[in-house]
Amino acid sequence: GIGKVKTDPHVDGDVVSISREQLDKEDGRP
């Protein structure tokens, strides 16, 4: 899940600090 990125990966890398618990409840759940 890359909804929280600030930099377009087409341009450069980015870092998303999401915990495993948050992943399972939010971005990873779909």
PDB file of all heavy atoms in Angstrom:
ATOM      1  N   GLY A   1       0.817  -1.211   0.000  1.00  0.00           N
ATOM      2  CA  GLY A   1       0.000   0.000   0.000  1.00  0.00           C
ATOM      3  C   GLY A   1       0.847   1.255   0.000  1.00  0.00           C
ATOM      4  O   GLY A   1       1.694   1.439   0.876  1.00  0.00           O
ATOM      5  N   ILE A   2       0.621   2.131  -1.008  1.00  0.00           N
ATOM      6  CA  ILE A   2       1.460   3.328  -1.118  1.00  0.00           C
ATOM      7  C   ILE A   2       0.641   4.617  -1.014  1.00  0.00           C
ATOM      8  O   ILE A   2       1.066   5.669  -1.483  1.00  0.00           O
ATOM      9  CB  ILE A   2       2.288   3.320  -2.424  1.00  0.00           C
ATOM     10  CG1 ILE A   2       1.382   3.281  -3.666  1.00  0.00           C
ATOM     11  CG2 ILE A   2       3.260   2.150  -2.425  1.00  0.00           C
ATOM     12  CD1 ILE A   2       2.146   3.504  -4.967  1.00  0.00           C
ATOM     13  N   GLY A   3      -0.511   4.515  -0.374  1.00  0.00           N
ATOM     14  CA  GLY A   3      -1.328   5.715  -0.230  1.00  0.00           C
ATOM     15  C   GLY A   3      -0.678   6.810   0.601  1.00  0.00           C
ATOM     16  O   GLY A   3      -1.033   7.984   0.479  1.00  0.00           O
ATOM     17  N   LYS A   4       0.292   6.438   1.421  1.00  0.00           N
ATOM     18  CA  LYS A   4       0.927   7.413   2.320  1.00  0.00           C
ATOM     19  C   LYS A   4       2.237   7.984   1.778  1.00  0.00           C
ATOM     20  O   LYS A   4       2.915   8.751   2.476  1.00  0.00           O
ATOM     21  CB  LYS A   4       1.174   6.761   3.686  1.00  0.00           C
ATOM     22  CG  LYS A   4      -0.101   6.383   4.439  1.00  0.00           C
ATOM     23  CD  LYS A   4       0.224   5.712   5.772  1.00  0.00           C
ATOM     24  CE  LYS A   4      -1.027   5.495   6.616  1.00  0.00           C
ATOM     25  NZ  LYS A   4      -1.948   4.518   5.999  1.00  0.00           N
ATOM     26  N   VAL A   5       2.634   7.639   0.572  1.00  0.00           N
ATOM     27  CA  VAL A   5       3.908   8.142   0.052  1.00  0.00           C
ATOM     28  C   VAL A   5       3.829   9.643  -0.206  1.00  0.00           C
ATOM     29  O   VAL A   5       2.766  10.183  -0.515  1.00  0.00           O
ATOM     30  CB  VAL A   5       4.340   7.425  -1.249  1.00  0.00           C
ATOM     31  CG1 VAL A   5       4.552   5.945  -1.006  1.00  0.00           C
ATOM     32  CG2 VAL A   5       3.349   7.650  -2.373  1.00  0.00           C
ATOM     33  N   LYS A   6       4.980  10.298  -0.108  1.00  0.00           N
ATOM     34  CA  LYS A   6       5.091  11.724  -0.399  1.00  0.00           C
ATOM     35  C   LYS A   6       5.802  11.975  -1.723  1.00  0.00           C
ATOM     36  O   LYS A   6       5.610  13.002  -2.357  1.00  0.00           O
ATOM     37  CB  LYS A   6       5.844  12.443   0.729  1.00  0.00           C
ATOM     38  CG  LYS A   6       5.233  12.240   2.120  1.00  0.00           C
ATOM     39  CD  LYS A   6       3.813  12.775   2.205  1.00  0.00           C
ATOM     40  CE  LYS A   6       3.249  12.599   3.612  1.00  0.00           C
ATOM     41  NZ  LYS A   6       1.812  12.980   3.683  1.00  0.00           N
ATOM     42  N   THR A   7       6.661  11.022  -2.115  1.00  0.00           N
ATOM     43  CA  THR A   7       7.420  11.141  -3.360  1.00  0.00           C
ATOM     44  C   THR A   7       6.922  10.110  -4.358  1.00  0.00           C
ATOM     45  O   THR A   7       6.774   8.932  -4.026  1.00  0.00           O
ATOM     46  CB  THR A   7       8.924  10.896  -3.100  1.00  0.00           C
ATOM     47  OG1 THR A   7       9.388  11.841  -2.141  1.00  0.00           O
ATOM     48  CG2 THR A   7       9.731  11.037  -4.379  1.00  0.00           C
ATOM     49  N   ASP A   8       6.663  10.540  -5.579  1.00  0.00           N
ATOM     50  CA  ASP A   8       6.236   9.617  -6.626  1.00  0.00           C
ATOM     51  C   ASP A   8       7.360   8.612  -6.895  1.00  0.00           C
ATOM     52  O   ASP A   8       8.473   9.011  -7.251  1.00  0.00           O
ATOM     53  CB  ASP A   8       5.924  10.415  -7.899  1.00  0.00           C
ATOM     54  CG  ASP A   8       5.353   9.554  -9.012  1.00  0.00           C
ATOM     55  OD1 ASP A   8       5.494   8.322  -8.966  1.00  0.00           O
ATOM     56  OD2 ASP A   8       4.757  10.140  -9.945  1.00  0.00           O
ATOM     57  N   PRO A   9       7.095   7.303  -6.745  1.00  0.00           N
ATOM     58  CA  PRO A   9       8.147   6.306  -6.981  1.00  0.00           C
ATOM     59  C   PRO A   9       8.717   6.343  -8.398  1.00  0.00           C
ATOM     60  O   PRO A   9       9.828   5.844  -8.619  1.00  0.00           O
ATOM     61  CB  PRO A   9       7.445   4.972  -6.711  1.00  0.00           C
ATOM     62  CG  PRO A   9       6.300   5.317  -5.810  1.00  0.00           C
ATOM     63  CD  PRO A   9       5.852   6.683  -6.244  1.00  0.00           C
ATOM     64  N   HIS A  10       7.981   6.915  -9.364  1.00  0.00           N
ATOM     65  CA  HIS A  10       8.548   7.065 -10.698  1.00  0.00           C
ATOM     66  C   HIS A  10       9.786   7.951 -10.661  1.00  0.00           C
ATOM     67  O   HIS A  10      10.686   7.816 -11.492  1.00  0.00           O
ATOM     68  CB  HIS A  10       7.514   7.688 -11.657  1.00  0.00           C
ATOM     69  CG  HIS A  10       6.365   6.784 -11.968  1.00  0.00           C
ATOM     70  ND1 HIS A  10       5.275   6.668 -11.145  1.00  0.00           N
ATOM     71  CD2 HIS A  10       6.136   5.950 -13.018  1.00  0.00           C
ATOM     72  CE1 HIS A  10       4.412   5.807 -11.676  1.00  0.00           C
ATOM     73  NE2 HIS A  10       4.912   5.357 -12.805  1.00  0.00           N
ATOM     74  N   VAL A  11       9.818   8.863  -9.692  1.00  0.00           N
ATOM     75  CA  VAL A  11      10.900   9.837  -9.593  1.00  0.00           C
ATOM     76  C   VAL A  11      12.021   9.334  -8.692  1.00  0.00           C
ATOM     77  O   VAL A  11      13.201   9.370  -9.058  1.00  0.00           O
ATOM     78  CB  VAL A  11      10.359  11.188  -9.081  1.00  0.00           C
ATOM     79  CG1 VAL A  11      11.488  12.203  -8.934  1.00  0.00           C
ATOM     80  CG2 VAL A  11       9.272  11.712 -10.018  1.00  0.00           C
ATOM     81  N   ASP A  12      11.676   8.868  -7.501  1.00  0.00           N
ATOM     82  CA  ASP A  12      12.686   8.411  -6.547  1.00  0.00           C
ATOM     83  C   ASP A  12      12.011   7.577  -5.463  1.00  0.00           C
ATOM     84  O   ASP A  12      10.785   7.498  -5.392  1.00  0.00           O
ATOM     85  CB  ASP A  12      13.429   9.587  -5.925  1.00  0.00           C
ATOM     86  CG  ASP A  12      14.845   9.227  -5.487  1.00  0.00           C
ATOM     87  OD1 ASP A  12      15.132   8.016  -5.305  1.00  0.00           O
ATOM     88  OD2 ASP A  12      15.679  10.142  -5.342  1.00  0.00           O
ATOM     89  N   GLY A  13      12.836   6.994  -4.624  1.00  0.00           N
ATOM     90  CA  GLY A  13      12.321   6.167  -3.545  1.00  0.00           C
ATOM     91  C   GLY A  13      11.660   6.987  -2.459  1.00  0.00           C
ATOM     92  O   GLY A  13      11.848   8.200  -2.364  1.00  0.00           O
ATOM     93  N   ASP A  14      10.881   6.322  -1.641  1.00  0.00           N
ATOM     94  CA  ASP A  14      10.236   6.972  -0.504  1.00  0.00           C
ATOM     95  C   ASP A  14      10.146   5.964   0.635  1.00  0.00           C
ATOM     96  O   ASP A  14      10.337   4.756   0.436  1.00  0.00           O
ATOM     97  CB  ASP A  14       8.842   7.483  -0.888  1.00  0.00           C
ATOM     98  CG  ASP A  14       8.357   8.597   0.041  1.00  0.00           C
ATOM     99  OD1 ASP A  14       9.044   8.881   1.045  1.00  0.00           O
ATOM    100  OD2 ASP A  14       7.290   9.175  -0.234  1.00  0.00           O
ATOM    101  N   VAL A  15       9.864   6.487   1.807  1.00  0.00           N
ATOM    102  CA  VAL A  15       9.776   5.685   3.013  1.00  0.00           C
ATOM    103  C   VAL A  15       8.405   5.886   3.630  1.00  0.00           C
ATOM    104  O   VAL A  15       7.939   7.026   3.766  1.00  0.00           O
ATOM    105  CB  VAL A  15      10.874   6.075   4.021  1.00  0.00           C
ATOM    106  CG1 VAL A  15      10.664   5.370   5.350  1.00  0.00           C
ATOM    107  CG2 VAL A  15      12.247   5.755   3.452  1.00  0.00           C
ATOM    108  N   VAL A  16       7.732   4.788   3.982  1.00  0.00           N
ATOM    109  CA  VAL A  16       6.446   4.845   4.668  1.00  0.00           C
ATOM    110  C   VAL A  16       6.598   4.104   5.994  1.00  0.00           C
ATOM    111  O   VAL A  16       6.841   2.896   6.012  1.00  0.00           O
ATOM    112  CB  VAL A  16       5.318   4.215   3.825  1.00  0.00           C
ATOM    113  CG1 VAL A  16       4.025   4.153   4.637  1.00  0.00           C
ATOM    114  CG2 VAL A  16       5.108   5.004   2.539  1.00  0.00           C
ATOM    115  N   SER A  17       6.469   4.831   7.081  1.00  0.00           N
ATOM    116  CA  SER A  17       6.648   4.234   8.411  1.00  0.00           C
ATOM    117  C   SER A  17       5.311   3.757   8.948  1.00  0.00           C
ATOM    118  O   SER A  17       4.609   4.474   9.666  1.00  0.00           O
ATOM    119  CB  SER A  17       7.288   5.254   9.357  1.00  0.00           C
ATOM    120  OG  SER A  17       8.595   5.561   8.932  1.00  0.00           O
ATOM    121  N   ILE A  18       4.962   2.544   8.568  1.00  0.00           N
ATOM    122  CA  ILE A  18       3.706   1.942   9.001  1.00  0.00           C
ATOM    123  C   ILE A  18       4.035   0.666   9.769  1.00  0.00           C
ATOM    124  O   ILE A  18       4.836  -0.162   9.316  1.00  0.00           O
ATOM    125  CB  ILE A  18       2.787   1.655   7.795  1.00  0.00           C
ATOM    126  CG1 ILE A  18       1.457   1.055   8.256  1.00  0.00           C
ATOM    127  CG2 ILE A  18       3.458   0.765   6.769  1.00  0.00           C
ATOM    128  CD1 ILE A  18       0.441   0.932   7.135  1.00  0.00           C
ATOM    129  N   SER A  19       3.449   0.514  10.955  1.00  0.00           N
ATOM    130  CA  SER A  19       3.707  -0.659  11.778  1.00  0.00           C
ATOM    131  C   SER A  19       2.961  -1.860  11.217  1.00  0.00           C
ATOM    132  O   SER A  19       2.023  -1.731  10.423  1.00  0.00           O
ATOM    133  CB  SER A  19       3.253  -0.411  13.214  1.00  0.00           C
ATOM    134  OG  SER A  19       1.830  -0.341  13.276  1.00  0.00           O
ATOM    135  N   ARG A  20       3.345  -3.049  11.674  1.00  0.00           N
ATOM    136  CA  ARG A  20       2.657  -4.254  11.220  1.00  0.00           C
ATOM    137  C   ARG A  20       1.198  -4.237  11.665  1.00  0.00           C
ATOM    138  O   ARG A  20       0.296  -4.629  10.896  1.00  0.00           O
ATOM    139  CB  ARG A  20       3.386  -5.490  11.760  1.00  0.00           C
ATOM    140  CG  ARG A  20       2.740  -6.803  11.351  1.00  0.00           C
ATOM    141  CD  ARG A  20       2.638  -6.914   9.816  1.00  0.00           C
ATOM    142  NE  ARG A  20       1.651  -7.862   9.431  1.00  0.00           N
ATOM    143  CZ  ARG A  20       1.861  -9.175   9.357  1.00  0.00           C
ATOM    144  NH1 ARG A  20       3.049  -9.669   9.636  1.00  0.00           N
ATOM    145  NH2 ARG A  20       0.900  -9.978   8.980  1.00  0.00           N
ATOM    146  N   GLU A  21       0.934  -3.787  12.863  1.00  0.00           N
ATOM    147  CA  GLU A  21      -0.440  -3.709  13.343  1.00  0.00           C
ATOM    148  C   GLU A  21      -1.261  -2.761  12.486  1.00  0.00           C
ATOM    149  O   GLU A  21      -2.399  -3.060  12.101  1.00  0.00           O
ATOM    150  CB  GLU A  21      -0.460  -3.248  14.806  1.00  0.00           C
ATOM    151  CG  GLU A  21      -1.871  -3.169  15.396  1.00  0.00           C
ATOM    152  CD  GLU A  21      -1.871  -2.690  16.839  1.00  0.00           C
ATOM    153  OE1 GLU A  21      -0.816  -2.267  17.338  1.00  0.00           O
ATOM    154  OE2 GLU A  21      -2.956  -2.751  17.460  1.00  0.00           O
ATOM    155  N   GLN A  22      -0.672  -1.620  12.145  1.00  0.00           N
ATOM    156  CA  GLN A  22      -1.355  -0.651  11.298  1.00  0.00           C
ATOM    157  C   GLN A  22      -1.565  -1.206   9.894  1.00  0.00           C
ATOM    158  O   GLN A  22      -2.605  -0.980   9.267  1.00  0.00           O
ATOM    159  CB  GLN A  22      -0.540   0.645  11.245  1.00  0.00           C
ATOM    160  CG  GLN A  22      -1.270   1.838  10.637  1.00  0.00           C
ATOM    161  CD  GLN A  22      -0.432   3.102  10.672  1.00  0.00           C
ATOM    162  OE1 GLN A  22       0.743   3.068  11.054  1.00  0.00           O
ATOM    163  NE2 GLN A  22      -1.009   4.216  10.279  1.00  0.00           N
ATOM    164  N   LEU A  23      -0.569  -1.932   9.398  1.00  0.00           N
ATOM    165  CA  LEU A  23      -0.695  -2.550   8.076  1.00  0.00           C
ATOM    166  C   LEU A  23      -1.918  -3.446   8.009  1.00  0.00           C
ATOM    167  O   LEU A  23      -2.732  -3.343   7.091  1.00  0.00           O
ATOM    168  CB  LEU A  23       0.562  -3.353   7.750  1.00  0.00           C
ATOM    169  CG  LEU A  23       0.499  -4.173   6.455  1.00  0.00           C
ATOM    170  CD1 LEU A  23       0.570  -3.255   5.248  1.00  0.00           C
ATOM    171  CD2 LEU A  23       1.605  -5.216   6.412  1.00  0.00           C
ATOM    172  N   ASP A  24      -2.063  -4.333   8.978  1.00  0.00           N
ATOM    173  CA  ASP A  24      -3.158  -5.297   8.953  1.00  0.00           C
ATOM    174  C   ASP A  24      -4.524  -4.636   9.101  1.00  0.00           C
ATOM    175  O   ASP A  24      -5.518  -5.125   8.556  1.00  0.00           O
ATOM    176  CB  ASP A  24      -2.964  -6.339  10.044  1.00  0.00           C
ATOM    177  CG  ASP A  24      -1.769  -7.251   9.779  1.00  0.00           C
ATOM    178  OD1 ASP A  24      -1.303  -7.287   8.631  1.00  0.00           O
ATOM    179  OD2 ASP A  24      -1.307  -7.904  10.728  1.00  0.00           O
ATOM    180  N   LYS A  25      -4.578  -3.517   9.799  1.00  0.00           N
ATOM    181  CA  LYS A  25      -5.847  -2.824  10.010  1.00  0.00           C
ATOM    182  C   LYS A  25      -6.183  -1.866   8.868  1.00  0.00           C
ATOM    183  O   LYS A  25      -7.361  -1.628   8.588  1.00  0.00           O
ATOM    184  CB  LYS A  25      -5.808  -2.044  11.323  1.00  0.00           C
ATOM    185  CG  LYS A  25      -5.836  -2.906  12.575  1.00  0.00           C
ATOM    186  CD  LYS A  25      -5.831  -2.034  13.824  1.00  0.00           C
ATOM    187  CE  LYS A  25      -5.900  -2.873  15.082  1.00  0.00           C
ATOM    188  NZ  LYS A  25      -5.861  -2.033  16.319  1.00  0.00           N
ATOM    189  N   GLU A  26      -5.157  -1.318   8.224  1.00  0.00           N
ATOM    190  CA  GLU A  26      -5.391  -0.254   7.247  1.00  0.00           C
ATOM    191  C   GLU A  26      -4.913  -0.660   5.848  1.00  0.00           C
ATOM    192  O   GLU A  26      -5.634  -1.331   5.112  1.00  0.00           O
ATOM    193  CB  GLU A  26      -4.700   1.028   7.727  1.00  0.00           C
ATOM    194  CG  GLU A  26      -5.248   1.548   9.048  1.00  0.00           C
ATOM    195  CD  GLU A  26      -4.503   2.766   9.557  1.00  0.00           C
ATOM    196  OE1 GLU A  26      -3.706   3.347   8.793  1.00  0.00           O
ATOM    197  OE2 GLU A  26      -4.692   3.133  10.739  1.00  0.00           O
ATOM    198  N   ASP A  27      -3.705  -0.272   5.475  1.00  0.00           N
ATOM    199  CA  ASP A  27      -3.245  -0.398   4.084  1.00  0.00           C
ATOM    200  C   ASP A  27      -3.220  -1.832   3.579  1.00  0.00           C
ATOM    201  O   ASP A  27      -3.486  -2.076   2.397  1.00  0.00           O
ATOM    202  CB  ASP A  27      -1.855   0.222   3.946  1.00  0.00           C
ATOM    203  CG  ASP A  27      -1.848   1.706   4.268  1.00  0.00           C
ATOM    204  OD1 ASP A  27      -1.979   2.046   5.462  1.00  0.00           O
ATOM    205  OD2 ASP A  27      -1.727   2.520   3.340  1.00  0.00           O
ATOM    206  N   GLY A  28      -2.900  -2.779   4.435  1.00  0.00           N
ATOM    207  CA  GLY A  28      -2.839  -4.158   3.986  1.00  0.00           C
ATOM    208  C   GLY A  28      -4.176  -4.859   3.936  1.00  0.00           C
ATOM    209  O   GLY A  28      -4.309  -5.903   3.286  1.00  0.00           O
ATOM    210  N   ARG A  29      -5.161  -4.312   4.599  1.00  0.00           N
ATOM    211  CA  ARG A  29      -6.430  -5.027   4.712  1.00  0.00           C
ATOM    212  C   ARG A  29      -7.137  -5.246   3.373  1.00  0.00           C
ATOM    213  O   ARG A  29      -7.683  -6.350   3.140  1.00  0.00           O
ATOM    214  CB  ARG A  29      -7.363  -4.306   5.689  1.00  0.00           C
ATOM    215  CG  ARG A  29      -8.589  -5.144   6.010  1.00  0.00           C
ATOM    216  CD  ARG A  29      -9.439  -4.609   7.131  1.00  0.00           C
ATOM    217  NE  ARG A  29     -10.823  -4.997   6.922  1.00  0.00           N
ATOM    218  CZ  ARG A  29     -11.864  -4.192   6.969  1.00  0.00           C
ATOM    219  NH1 ARG A  29     -11.677  -2.910   7.248  1.00  0.00           N
ATOM    220  NH2 ARG A  29     -13.064  -4.641   6.752  1.00  0.00           N
ATOM    221  N   PRO A  30      -7.158  -4.257   2.449  1.00  0.00           N
ATOM    222  CA  PRO A  30      -7.775  -4.568   1.150  1.00  0.00           C
ATOM    223  C   PRO A  30      -7.097  -5.739   0.437  1.00  0.00           C
ATOM    224  O   PRO A  30      -7.775  -6.571  -0.181  1.00  0.00           O
ATOM    225  CB  PRO A  30      -7.606  -3.266   0.361  1.00  0.00           C
ATOM    226  CG  PRO A  30      -7.535  -2.201   1.411  1.00  0.00           C
ATOM    227  CD  PRO A  30      -6.780  -2.838   2.540  1.00  0.00           C
TER     228      PRO A  30
END
